[in-house]
């Protein structure tokens, strides 16, 4: 009977935890939903500076949907702000290379090169940049894919290479987030 009661309690707790719905953040409302975590055991030190560089080399499997790896940067901004970290202490950079190059194309180029739809990442990239994120395209990828700056989203910066940008940013105290 005791094992049965423990099992039901665990099942109830799991159901309550996983029944929770993600919520929109206050930084980037349309992207980067996250879950509210009430009283976590590992506390977030809201006095720290959170400098993160996202290494993004893959694109979405569905060209009509935003790249979930780009959306992770929005989630990072939203969830840390909701946890009480001041916005000035959340500093984000994205380094784009590999197949993710297509996600930074302007709408015209996206339609010509990738899909018959406009780029589903345009609004997300705009919001990330508006909230202080540096979005950096690997110059080697740009050259290989023949992407002049005029064909990219207007907030994109081009670096010598993804490797260069990643090393420089980490030397500046950014922590690498790579999925």
Protein backbone atom coordinates (compact mmCIF):
# COMPACT_ATOMS: atom_id res chain seq x y z
CA UNK A 1 0.00 0.00 0.00
CA UNK A 2 2.85 2.37 0.86
CA UNK A 3 4.49 1.84 -2.57
CA UNK A 4 1.13 2.42 -4.26
CA UNK A 5 0.65 5.72 -2.38
CA UNK A 6 4.18 6.90 -3.23
CA UNK A 7 3.64 5.98 -6.88
CA UNK A 8 0.38 7.97 -7.03
CA UNK A 9 2.03 10.95 -5.31
CA UNK A 10 4.91 10.90 -7.81
CA UNK A 11 2.49 10.56 -10.71
CA UNK A 12 0.47 13.52 -9.41
CA UNK A 13 3.61 15.68 -8.97
CA UNK A 14 4.88 14.78 -12.43
CA UNK A 15 1.48 15.57 -13.96
CA UNK A 16 1.36 18.95 -12.21
CA UNK A 17 4.92 19.82 -13.27
CA UNK A 18 4.48 18.75 -16.89
CA UNK A 19 0.97 20.14 -17.24
CA UNK A 20 2.37 23.64 -16.94
CA UNK A 21 2.21 25.71 -20.13
CA UNK A 22 5.07 27.89 -21.38
CA UNK A 23 4.56 31.63 -21.00
CA UNK A 24 5.59 34.56 -23.14
CA UNK A 25 8.37 36.71 -21.83
CA UNK A 26 8.46 40.44 -21.41
CA UNK A 27 11.55 40.99 -23.55
CA UNK A 28 10.54 39.25 -26.80
CA UNK A 29 6.85 38.49 -26.49
CA UNK A 30 6.24 36.53 -29.70
CA UNK A 31 9.24 34.20 -29.38
CA UNK A 32 11.17 32.32 -26.73
CA UNK A 33 8.41 31.12 -24.45
CA UNK A 34 9.64 29.43 -21.29
CA UNK A 35 8.31 27.76 -18.19
CA UNK A 36 8.07 29.46 -14.83
CA UNK A 37 10.11 27.51 -12.31
CA UNK A 38 8.85 28.16 -8.80
CA UNK A 39 11.51 28.02 -6.09
CA UNK A 40 14.27 26.11 -7.92
CA UNK A 41 16.85 24.30 -5.81
CA UNK A 42 19.71 25.80 -7.83
CA UNK A 43 19.02 29.50 -7.38
CA UNK A 44 19.63 32.03 -10.13
CA UNK A 45 22.09 34.68 -8.96
CA UNK A 46 20.30 37.72 -10.31
CA UNK A 47 23.31 39.95 -9.54
CA UNK A 48 25.54 38.21 -12.10
CA UNK A 49 26.19 39.32 -15.66
CA UNK A 50 24.86 36.69 -18.10
CA UNK A 51 26.95 37.00 -21.29
CA UNK A 52 26.10 34.20 -23.70
CA UNK A 53 27.17 33.47 -27.26
CA UNK A 54 24.98 31.04 -29.18
CA UNK A 55 26.82 28.97 -31.79
CA UNK A 56 24.15 28.34 -34.45
CA UNK A 57 25.07 26.12 -37.39
CA UNK A 58 21.81 24.31 -38.16
CA UNK A 59 18.57 25.51 -39.66
CA UNK A 60 14.97 24.53 -38.98
CA UNK A 61 13.74 21.29 -40.52
CA UNK A 62 10.64 23.17 -41.68
CA UNK A 63 11.59 26.23 -43.79
CA UNK A 64 8.25 27.86 -42.99
CA UNK A 65 8.98 27.97 -39.24
CA UNK A 66 11.55 29.98 -37.26
CA UNK A 67 14.80 28.26 -36.40
CA UNK A 68 14.35 26.90 -32.85
CA UNK A 69 18.04 27.56 -32.16
CA UNK A 70 17.52 31.27 -32.86
CA UNK A 71 14.48 31.16 -30.64
CA UNK A 72 16.65 29.77 -27.84
CA UNK A 73 18.39 33.15 -27.64
CA UNK A 74 14.98 34.82 -27.18
CA UNK A 75 14.16 32.23 -24.51
CA UNK A 76 17.44 33.04 -22.74
CA UNK A 77 16.53 36.75 -22.64
CA UNK A 78 12.93 36.13 -21.56
CA UNK A 79 13.49 33.53 -18.84
CA UNK A 80 16.36 35.38 -17.18
CA UNK A 81 14.44 38.65 -17.15
CA UNK A 82 11.43 36.79 -15.65
CA UNK A 83 13.77 35.28 -13.02
CA UNK A 84 14.73 38.78 -11.91
CA UNK A 85 17.99 39.38 -13.78
CA UNK A 86 18.06 43.04 -14.88
CA UNK A 87 17.95 43.40 -18.67
CA UNK A 88 21.27 45.31 -18.61
CA UNK A 89 22.89 42.16 -17.16
CA UNK A 90 21.71 39.85 -19.97
CA UNK A 91 24.05 40.18 -22.94
CA UNK A 92 23.58 37.97 -25.99
CA UNK A 93 25.41 37.30 -29.23
CA UNK A 94 24.57 34.79 -31.96
CA UNK A 95 27.18 33.43 -34.35
CA UNK A 96 25.56 32.06 -37.50
CA UNK A 97 27.28 29.63 -39.88
CA UNK A 98 26.73 26.36 -41.71
CA UNK A 99 23.20 25.68 -42.91
CA UNK A 100 21.82 28.36 -40.58
CA UNK A 101 23.02 30.96 -43.12
CA UNK A 102 19.60 30.80 -44.78
CA UNK A 103 17.90 32.00 -41.60
CA UNK A 104 19.53 35.44 -41.87
CA UNK A 105 18.60 36.07 -45.51
CA UNK A 106 16.30 38.99 -46.22
CA UNK A 107 12.78 38.02 -47.33
CA UNK A 108 13.49 38.41 -51.05
CA UNK A 109 16.57 36.19 -50.93
CA UNK A 110 14.86 33.65 -48.67
CA UNK A 111 12.03 33.32 -51.20
CA UNK A 112 14.50 32.93 -54.08
CA UNK A 113 16.96 30.56 -52.38
CA UNK A 114 15.03 28.57 -49.78
CA UNK A 115 11.24 28.53 -49.86
CA UNK A 116 8.27 30.17 -51.50
CA UNK A 117 7.47 31.83 -48.18
CA UNK A 118 9.08 34.88 -46.64
CA UNK A 119 11.78 34.27 -44.05
CA UNK A 120 10.03 33.13 -40.84
CA UNK A 121 13.06 34.37 -38.85
CA UNK A 122 12.88 38.03 -39.91
CA UNK A 123 10.72 39.24 -37.02
CA UNK A 124 12.71 37.19 -34.49
CA UNK A 125 16.04 38.59 -35.75
CA UNK A 126 14.65 42.12 -35.62
CA UNK A 127 13.43 41.65 -32.04
CA UNK A 128 16.72 40.09 -30.93
CA UNK A 129 18.69 43.00 -32.40
CA UNK A 130 16.27 45.54 -30.93
CA UNK A 131 16.96 43.99 -27.53
CA UNK A 132 20.71 44.31 -27.85
CA UNK A 133 21.71 40.96 -29.36
CA UNK A 134 24.65 40.98 -31.75
CA UNK A 135 23.88 38.72 -34.71
CA UNK A 136 27.06 37.74 -36.50
CA UNK A 137 27.31 35.85 -39.78
CA UNK A 138 30.47 33.88 -40.54
CA UNK A 139 32.22 35.64 -43.41
CA UNK A 140 33.49 32.32 -44.73
CA UNK A 141 29.93 31.01 -44.92
CA UNK A 142 28.79 34.26 -46.56
CA UNK A 143 31.53 34.04 -49.18
CA UNK A 144 30.98 30.32 -49.85
CA UNK A 145 27.20 30.81 -50.17
CA UNK A 146 27.65 34.05 -52.15
CA UNK A 147 25.70 36.20 -49.70
CA UNK A 148 26.57 39.89 -49.94
CA UNK A 149 25.59 41.95 -46.90
CA UNK A 150 22.75 43.54 -48.89
CA UNK A 151 21.03 40.13 -49.14
CA UNK A 152 21.08 39.54 -45.38
CA UNK A 153 18.81 40.83 -42.64
CA UNK A 154 19.77 44.48 -41.99
CA UNK A 155 20.89 43.79 -38.40
CA UNK A 156 23.48 41.15 -39.39
CA UNK A 157 27.18 41.81 -38.87
CA UNK A 158 29.69 39.84 -40.93
CA UNK A 159 32.88 38.55 -39.28
CA UNK A 160 36.04 37.06 -40.74
CA UNK A 161 34.76 33.65 -39.65
CA UNK A 162 32.53 31.97 -37.08
CA UNK A 163 35.67 30.66 -35.38
CA UNK A 164 37.07 34.18 -35.09
CA UNK A 165 33.84 35.59 -33.66
CA UNK A 166 33.47 32.72 -31.19
CA UNK A 167 37.03 33.09 -29.90
CA UNK A 168 36.82 36.88 -29.65
CA UNK A 169 33.49 36.80 -27.82
CA UNK A 170 34.69 34.13 -25.40
CA UNK A 171 37.82 36.21 -24.77
CA UNK A 172 35.42 39.05 -23.86
CA UNK A 173 33.74 36.89 -21.21
CA UNK A 174 30.86 35.42 -23.20
CA UNK A 175 29.99 31.81 -22.34
CA UNK A 176 29.45 29.46 -25.24
CA UNK A 177 26.05 27.86 -25.68
CA UNK A 178 26.09 25.20 -28.37
CA UNK A 179 23.33 22.70 -29.15
